Amino acid sequence: MRAFHVFSQLMFRRMFLFSLFFMNGLVSAETNNINHPVHIHADKMVASPQKRYMKFQGHVRVTQEGIQLNADELNVYLISSENSVAITKESIKKINAVGNVHIHWNAYKIDADTAIYLPLENKMLVSGNMARIYQGKNMIAGSRIILNLSTDQIEISSKKGEQVEAFYEFSDQDMKNFQMQKSDP
């Protein structure tokens, strides 16, 4: 019986680590990327199946079709469940990227000190000393940015005494469209 327990613990650990490479939607589960594999590179990985926690450290790079995340550290927190060892969108409680966070996602680029992804809420919380979101030459910055990935709503706030900053550069086509809308009764 003891041998079976040791074998089952070993198999659980192997499945825990193996299933990591088949996680869908690590950064953005609601995009069309859900069926594409997630690829993680790091200098070091520590996994604790009993604590339902994984940590990737050093030069972390996560890629999935249309998404790339770079950070110093990536922490994955799983929802406790004794019945399942599979890692799915539903089993991920929170993903926390820390230090020099750079995200390229579709037409957006995000720079921050930290980024927290909450898959069950489909939200990303980005923060730091003037976290920034870029779309082409356009930029919005603040100390805390909340992205609701379901509604595409963005909420930006800053620390007391600071302000949110936004920079928009309109193209010639944008100006023509504006002029056409203005001239239509």
C-alpha atoms as a PDB file:
ATOM      1  CA  MET A   1       0.000   0.000   0.000  1.00  0.00           C
ATOM      2  CA  ARG A   2       2.875   2.376   0.838  1.00  0.00           C
ATOM      3  CA  ALA A   3       4.425   1.698  -2.586  1.00  0.00           C
ATOM      4  CA  PHE A   4       1.128   2.626  -4.282  1.00  0.00           C
ATOM      5  CA  HIS A   5       0.975   5.911  -2.302  1.00  0.00           C
ATOM      6  CA  VAL A   6       4.548   6.827  -3.312  1.00  0.00           C
ATOM      7  CA  PHE A   7       3.805   5.878  -6.936  1.00  0.00           C
ATOM      8  CA  SER A   8       0.592   7.950  -6.990  1.00  0.00           C
ATOM      9  CA  GLN A   9       2.424  10.981  -5.512  1.00  0.00           C
ATOM     10  CA  LEU A  10       5.158  10.630  -8.142  1.00  0.00           C
ATOM     11  CA  MET A  11       2.573  10.354 -10.936  1.00  0.00           C
ATOM     12  CA  PHE A  12       0.698  13.380  -9.555  1.00  0.00           C
ATOM     13  CA  ARG A  13       3.882  15.453  -9.631  1.00  0.00           C
ATOM     14  CA  ARG A  14       4.738  14.353 -13.158  1.00  0.00           C
ATOM     15  CA  MET A  15       1.199  15.059 -14.380  1.00  0.00           C
ATOM     16  CA  PHE A  16       1.270  18.432 -12.590  1.00  0.00           C
ATOM     17  CA  LEU A  17       4.467  19.450 -14.396  1.00  0.00           C
ATOM     18  CA  PHE A  18       3.505  17.835 -17.698  1.00  0.00           C
ATOM     19  CA  SER A  19       0.052  19.434 -17.785  1.00  0.00           C
ATOM     20  CA  LEU A  20       1.642  22.856 -17.316  1.00  0.00           C
ATOM     21  CA  PHE A  21       2.720  22.743 -20.944  1.00  0.00           C
ATOM     22  CA  PHE A  22      -0.849  22.165 -22.068  1.00  0.00           C
ATOM     23  CA  MET A  23      -2.440  25.045 -20.170  1.00  0.00           C
ATOM     24  CA  ASN A  24      -4.779  26.972 -22.405  1.00  0.00           C
ATOM     25  CA  GLY A  25      -5.347  30.677 -22.036  1.00  0.00           C
ATOM     26  CA  LEU A  26      -2.476  31.459 -19.642  1.00  0.00           C
ATOM     27  CA  VAL A  27      -2.550  35.147 -20.421  1.00  0.00           C
ATOM     28  CA  SER A  28      -5.763  35.678 -22.371  1.00  0.00           C
ATOM     29  CA  ALA A  29      -8.213  32.831 -22.207  1.00  0.00           C
ATOM     30  CA  GLU A  30     -11.066  34.561 -24.021  1.00  0.00           C
ATOM     31  CA  THR A  31      -9.221  35.328 -27.246  1.00  0.00           C
ATOM     32  CA  ASN A  32      -9.054  33.026 -30.236  1.00  0.00           C
ATOM     33  CA  ASN A  33      -5.806  31.679 -28.771  1.00  0.00           C
ATOM     34  CA  ILE A  34      -7.465  29.149 -26.490  1.00  0.00           C
ATOM     35  CA  ASN A  35      -6.578  26.168 -28.676  1.00  0.00           C
ATOM     36  CA  HIS A  36      -2.976  27.244 -29.162  1.00  0.00           C
ATOM     37  CA  PRO A  37      -0.277  25.895 -26.871  1.00  0.00           C
ATOM     38  CA  VAL A  38       1.410  28.027 -24.226  1.00  0.00           C
ATOM     39  CA  HIS A  39       5.209  27.995 -24.223  1.00  0.00           C
ATOM     40  CA  ILE A  40       7.124  29.129 -21.122  1.00  0.00           C
ATOM     41  CA  HIS A  41      10.857  29.773 -20.874  1.00  0.00           C
ATOM     42  CA  ALA A  42      12.577  30.636 -17.570  1.00  0.00           C
ATOM     43  CA  ASP A  43      15.905  30.160 -15.832  1.00  0.00           C
ATOM     44  CA  LYS A  44      14.233  28.221 -13.024  1.00  0.00           C
ATOM     45  CA  MET A  45      10.879  26.659 -12.148  1.00  0.00           C
ATOM     46  CA  VAL A  46       9.629  25.611  -8.724  1.00  0.00           C
ATOM     47  CA  ALA A  47       6.368  23.657  -8.467  1.00  0.00           C
ATOM     48  CA  SER A  48       4.502  22.697  -5.343  1.00  0.00           C
ATOM     49  CA  PRO A  49       1.580  20.409  -6.253  1.00  0.00           C
ATOM     50  CA  GLN A  50       0.474  20.196  -2.613  1.00  0.00           C
ATOM     51  CA  LYS A  51       0.261  24.002  -2.376  1.00  0.00           C
ATOM     52  CA  ARG A  52      -1.151  24.272  -5.938  1.00  0.00           C
ATOM     53  CA  TYR A  53       1.518  26.807  -6.857  1.00  0.00           C
ATOM     54  CA  MET A  54       4.194  27.235  -9.543  1.00  0.00           C
ATOM     55  CA  LYS A  55       6.927  29.852  -9.801  1.00  0.00           C
ATOM     56  CA  PHE A  56       9.033  30.645 -12.859  1.00  0.00           C
ATOM     57  CA  GLN A  57      12.080  32.815 -12.201  1.00  0.00           C
ATOM     58  CA  GLY A  58      14.630  34.632 -14.307  1.00  0.00           C
ATOM     59  CA  HIS A  59      14.156  35.864 -17.857  1.00  0.00           C
ATOM     60  CA  VAL A  60      10.596  34.541 -18.008  1.00  0.00           C
ATOM     61  CA  ARG A  61       9.030  34.518 -21.471  1.00  0.00           C
ATOM     62  CA  VAL A  62       5.533  33.228 -22.085  1.00  0.00           C
ATOM     63  CA  THR A  63       4.282  32.932 -25.645  1.00  0.00           C
ATOM     64  CA  GLN A  64       0.990  31.879 -27.140  1.00  0.00           C
ATOM     65  CA  GLU A  65      -0.453  32.723 -30.551  1.00  0.00           C
ATOM     66  CA  GLY A  66      -0.749  36.557 -30.609  1.00  0.00           C
ATOM     67  CA  ILE A  67       0.590  37.041 -27.057  1.00  0.00           C
ATOM     68  CA  GLN A  68       4.027  37.435 -25.539  1.00  0.00           C
ATOM     69  CA  LEU A  69       4.766  38.222 -21.893  1.00  0.00           C
ATOM     70  CA  ASN A  70       8.232  38.908 -20.474  1.00  0.00           C
ATOM     71  CA  ALA A  71       8.916  39.337 -16.756  1.00  0.00           C
ATOM     72  CA  ASP A  72      11.471  38.639 -14.055  1.00  0.00           C
ATOM     73  CA  GLU A  73       9.107  36.219 -12.308  1.00  0.00           C
ATOM     74  CA  LEU A  74       5.788  34.497 -12.977  1.00  0.00           C
ATOM     75  CA  ASN A  75       3.680  32.976 -10.190  1.00  0.00           C
ATOM     76  CA  VAL A  76       0.729  30.694 -10.988  1.00  0.00           C
ATOM     77  CA  TYR A  77      -1.809  30.027  -8.211  1.00  0.00           C
ATOM     78  CA  LEU A  78      -4.270  27.180  -8.694  1.00  0.00           C
ATOM     79  CA  ILE A  79      -7.645  26.595  -7.099  1.00  0.00           C
ATOM     80  CA  SER A  80      -7.456  23.783  -4.561  1.00  0.00           C
ATOM     81  CA  SER A  81      -9.029  20.592  -5.744  1.00  0.00           C
ATOM     82  CA  GLU A  82      -8.169  17.145  -4.482  1.00  0.00           C
ATOM     83  CA  ASN A  83     -10.072  15.475  -7.309  1.00  0.00           C
ATOM     84  CA  SER A  84      -8.203  16.917 -10.280  1.00  0.00           C
ATOM     85  CA  VAL A  85      -4.585  17.281 -11.311  1.00  0.00           C
ATOM     86  CA  ALA A  86      -5.319  18.858 -14.705  1.00  0.00           C
ATOM     87  CA  ILE A  87      -4.471  22.493 -15.195  1.00  0.00           C
ATOM     88  CA  THR A  88      -7.223  24.279 -17.079  1.00  0.00           C
ATOM     89  CA  LYS A  89      -8.534  27.822 -17.340  1.00  0.00           C
ATOM     90  CA  GLU A  90     -10.979  26.943 -14.559  1.00  0.00           C
ATOM     91  CA  SER A  91      -8.235  25.631 -12.259  1.00  0.00           C
ATOM     92  CA  ILE A  92      -6.108  28.798 -12.426  1.00  0.00           C
ATOM     93  CA  LYS A  93      -6.947  31.204  -9.630  1.00  0.00           C
ATOM     94  CA  LYS A  94      -4.404  33.904 -10.426  1.00  0.00           C
ATOM     95  CA  ILE A  95      -1.272  34.526 -12.478  1.00  0.00           C
ATOM     96  CA  ASN A  96       1.093  37.195 -11.209  1.00  0.00           C
ATOM     97  CA  ALA A  97       3.935  38.549 -13.381  1.00  0.00           C
ATOM     98  CA  VAL A  98       6.472  40.568 -11.386  1.00  0.00           C
ATOM     99  CA  GLY A  99       9.350  42.822 -12.389  1.00  0.00           C
ATOM    100  CA  ASN A 100       9.999  44.400 -15.776  1.00  0.00           C
ATOM    101  CA  VAL A 101       6.681  43.216 -17.173  1.00  0.00           C
ATOM    102  CA  HIS A 102       6.287  43.677 -20.930  1.00  0.00           C
ATOM    103  CA  ILE A 103       3.233  42.309 -22.706  1.00  0.00           C
ATOM    104  CA  HIS A 104       2.600  42.293 -26.462  1.00  0.00           C
ATOM    105  CA  TRP A 105      -1.023  41.361 -27.049  1.00  0.00           C
ATOM    106  CA  ASN A 106      -2.686  41.856 -30.433  1.00  0.00           C
ATOM    107  CA  ALA A 107      -2.187  45.570 -31.295  1.00  0.00           C
ATOM    108  CA  TYR A 108      -1.330  46.497 -27.687  1.00  0.00           C
ATOM    109  CA  LYS A 109       1.917  46.805 -25.793  1.00  0.00           C
ATOM    110  CA  ILE A 110       1.867  47.007 -21.987  1.00  0.00           C
ATOM    111  CA  ASP A 111       4.795  47.992 -19.737  1.00  0.00           C
ATOM    112  CA  ALA A 112       4.474  47.726 -15.942  1.00  0.00           C
ATOM    113  CA  ASP A 113       6.094  46.590 -12.712  1.00  0.00           C
ATOM    114  CA  THR A 114       3.424  43.923 -12.110  1.00  0.00           C
ATOM    115  CA  ALA A 115       0.539  42.342 -13.999  1.00  0.00           C
ATOM    116  CA  ILE A 116      -2.054  40.099 -12.379  1.00  0.00           C
ATOM    117  CA  TYR A 117      -4.367  38.007 -14.523  1.00  0.00           C
ATOM    118  CA  LEU A 118      -7.599  36.733 -12.940  1.00  0.00           C
ATOM    119  CA  PRO A 119      -9.024  34.207 -15.435  1.00  0.00           C
ATOM    120  CA  LEU A 120     -12.296  33.564 -13.595  1.00  0.00           C
ATOM    121  CA  GLU A 121     -13.057  37.317 -13.732  1.00  0.00           C
ATOM    122  CA  ASN A 122     -11.336  37.696 -17.112  1.00  0.00           C
ATOM    123  CA  LYS A 123      -9.480  40.773 -15.858  1.00  0.00           C
ATOM    124  CA  MET A 124      -5.896  41.941 -15.888  1.00  0.00           C
ATOM    125  CA  LEU A 125      -4.608  44.339 -13.223  1.00  0.00           C
ATOM    126  CA  VAL A 126      -1.480  46.197 -14.285  1.00  0.00           C
ATOM    127  CA  SER A 127       0.408  48.428 -11.863  1.00  0.00           C
ATOM    128  CA  GLY A 128       3.656  50.159 -11.179  1.00  0.00           C
ATOM    129  CA  ASN A 129       5.414  53.448 -11.409  1.00  0.00           C
ATOM    130  CA  MET A 130       3.415  54.800 -14.364  1.00  0.00           C
ATOM    131  CA  ALA A 131       2.257  51.562 -16.014  1.00  0.00           C
ATOM    132  CA  ARG A 132       1.650  52.186 -19.712  1.00  0.00           C
ATOM    133  CA  ILE A 133      -0.530  50.800 -22.487  1.00  0.00           C
ATOM    134  CA  TYR A 134       0.444  51.568 -26.082  1.00  0.00           C
ATOM    135  CA  GLN A 135      -1.524  51.143 -29.277  1.00  0.00           C
ATOM    136  CA  GLY A 136       0.644  52.381 -32.105  1.00  0.00           C
ATOM    137  CA  LYS A 137       1.725  55.908 -31.128  1.00  0.00           C
ATOM    138  CA  ASN A 138      -1.186  56.297 -28.687  1.00  0.00           C
ATOM    139  CA  MET A 139      -0.390  55.827 -24.987  1.00  0.00           C
ATOM    140  CA  ILE A 140      -2.245  55.838 -21.668  1.00  0.00           C
ATOM    141  CA  ALA A 141      -0.398  55.733 -18.335  1.00  0.00           C
ATOM    142  CA  GLY A 142      -1.264  55.527 -14.651  1.00  0.00           C
ATOM    143  CA  SER A 143      -0.152  53.730 -11.531  1.00  0.00           C
ATOM    144  CA  ARG A 144      -3.011  51.174 -11.778  1.00  0.00           C
ATOM    145  CA  ILE A 145      -4.744  49.918 -14.902  1.00  0.00           C
ATOM    146  CA  ILE A 146      -7.649  47.468 -14.875  1.00  0.00           C
ATOM    147  CA  LEU A 147      -8.434  45.735 -18.174  1.00  0.00           C
ATOM    148  CA  ASN A 148     -11.757  43.924 -18.385  1.00  0.00           C
ATOM    149  CA  LEU A 149     -11.045  41.459 -21.183  1.00  0.00           C
ATOM    150  CA  SER A 150     -14.735  40.522 -21.561  1.00  0.00           C
ATOM    151  CA  THR A 151     -15.987  44.067 -22.141  1.00  0.00           C
ATOM    152  CA  ASP A 152     -12.757  45.724 -23.405  1.00  0.00           C
ATOM    153  CA  GLN A 153     -13.252  48.373 -20.708  1.00  0.00           C
ATOM    154  CA  ILE A 154     -10.106  50.016 -19.315  1.00  0.00           C
ATOM    155  CA  GLU A 155      -9.998  51.847 -15.987  1.00  0.00           C
ATOM    156  CA  ILE A 156      -6.886  53.858 -15.165  1.00  0.00           C
ATOM    157  CA  SER A 157      -6.053  55.566 -11.889  1.00  0.00           C
ATOM    158  CA  SER A 158      -3.000  57.116 -10.293  1.00  0.00           C
ATOM    159  CA  LYS A 159      -1.577  57.553  -6.834  1.00  0.00           C
ATOM    160  CA  LYS A 160      -2.679  60.494  -4.760  1.00  0.00           C
ATOM    161  CA  GLY A 161      -1.038  63.647  -6.059  1.00  0.00           C
ATOM    162  CA  GLU A 162      -0.422  62.146  -9.512  1.00  0.00           C
ATOM    163  CA  GLN A 163      -2.531  62.212 -12.644  1.00  0.00           C
ATOM    164  CA  VAL A 164      -3.399  59.819 -15.426  1.00  0.00           C
ATOM    165  CA  GLU A 165      -1.576  60.647 -18.664  1.00  0.00           C
ATOM    166  CA  ALA A 166      -2.885  60.066 -22.184  1.00  0.00           C
ATOM    167  CA  PHE A 167      -1.339  60.842 -25.556  1.00  0.00           C
ATOM    168  CA  TYR A 168      -3.269  60.430 -28.801  1.00  0.00           C
ATOM    169  CA  GLU A 169      -1.984  61.066 -32.294  1.00  0.00           C
ATOM    170  CA  PHE A 170      -4.667  61.109 -34.946  1.00  0.00           C
ATOM    171  CA  SER A 171      -3.872  59.916 -38.458  1.00  0.00           C
ATOM    172  CA  ASP A 172      -4.918  61.748 -41.600  1.00  0.00           C
ATOM    173  CA  GLN A 173      -7.584  59.070 -42.128  1.00  0.00           C
ATOM    174  CA  ASP A 174      -8.941  59.679 -38.595  1.00  0.00           C
ATOM    175  CA  MET A 175      -9.208  63.403 -39.372  1.00  0.00           C
ATOM    176  CA  LYS A 176     -10.963  62.735 -42.707  1.00  0.00           C
ATOM    177  CA  ASN A 177     -13.468  60.430 -40.957  1.00  0.00           C
ATOM    178  CA  PHE A 178     -14.076  63.101 -38.327  1.00  0.00           C
ATOM    179  CA  GLN A 179     -14.632  65.781 -40.972  1.00  0.00           C
ATOM    180  CA  MET A 180     -17.064  63.509 -42.851  1.00  0.00           C
ATOM    181  CA  GLN A 181     -19.063  62.815 -39.658  1.00  0.00           C
ATOM    182  CA  LYS A 182     -19.124  66.517 -38.836  1.00  0.00           C
ATOM    183  CA  SER A 183     -20.436  67.485 -42.290  1.00  0.00           C
ATOM    184  CA  ASP A 184     -23.217  64.845 -42.349  1.00  0.00           C
ATOM    185  CA  PRO A 185     -26.493  66.243 -40.954  1.00  0.00           C
END
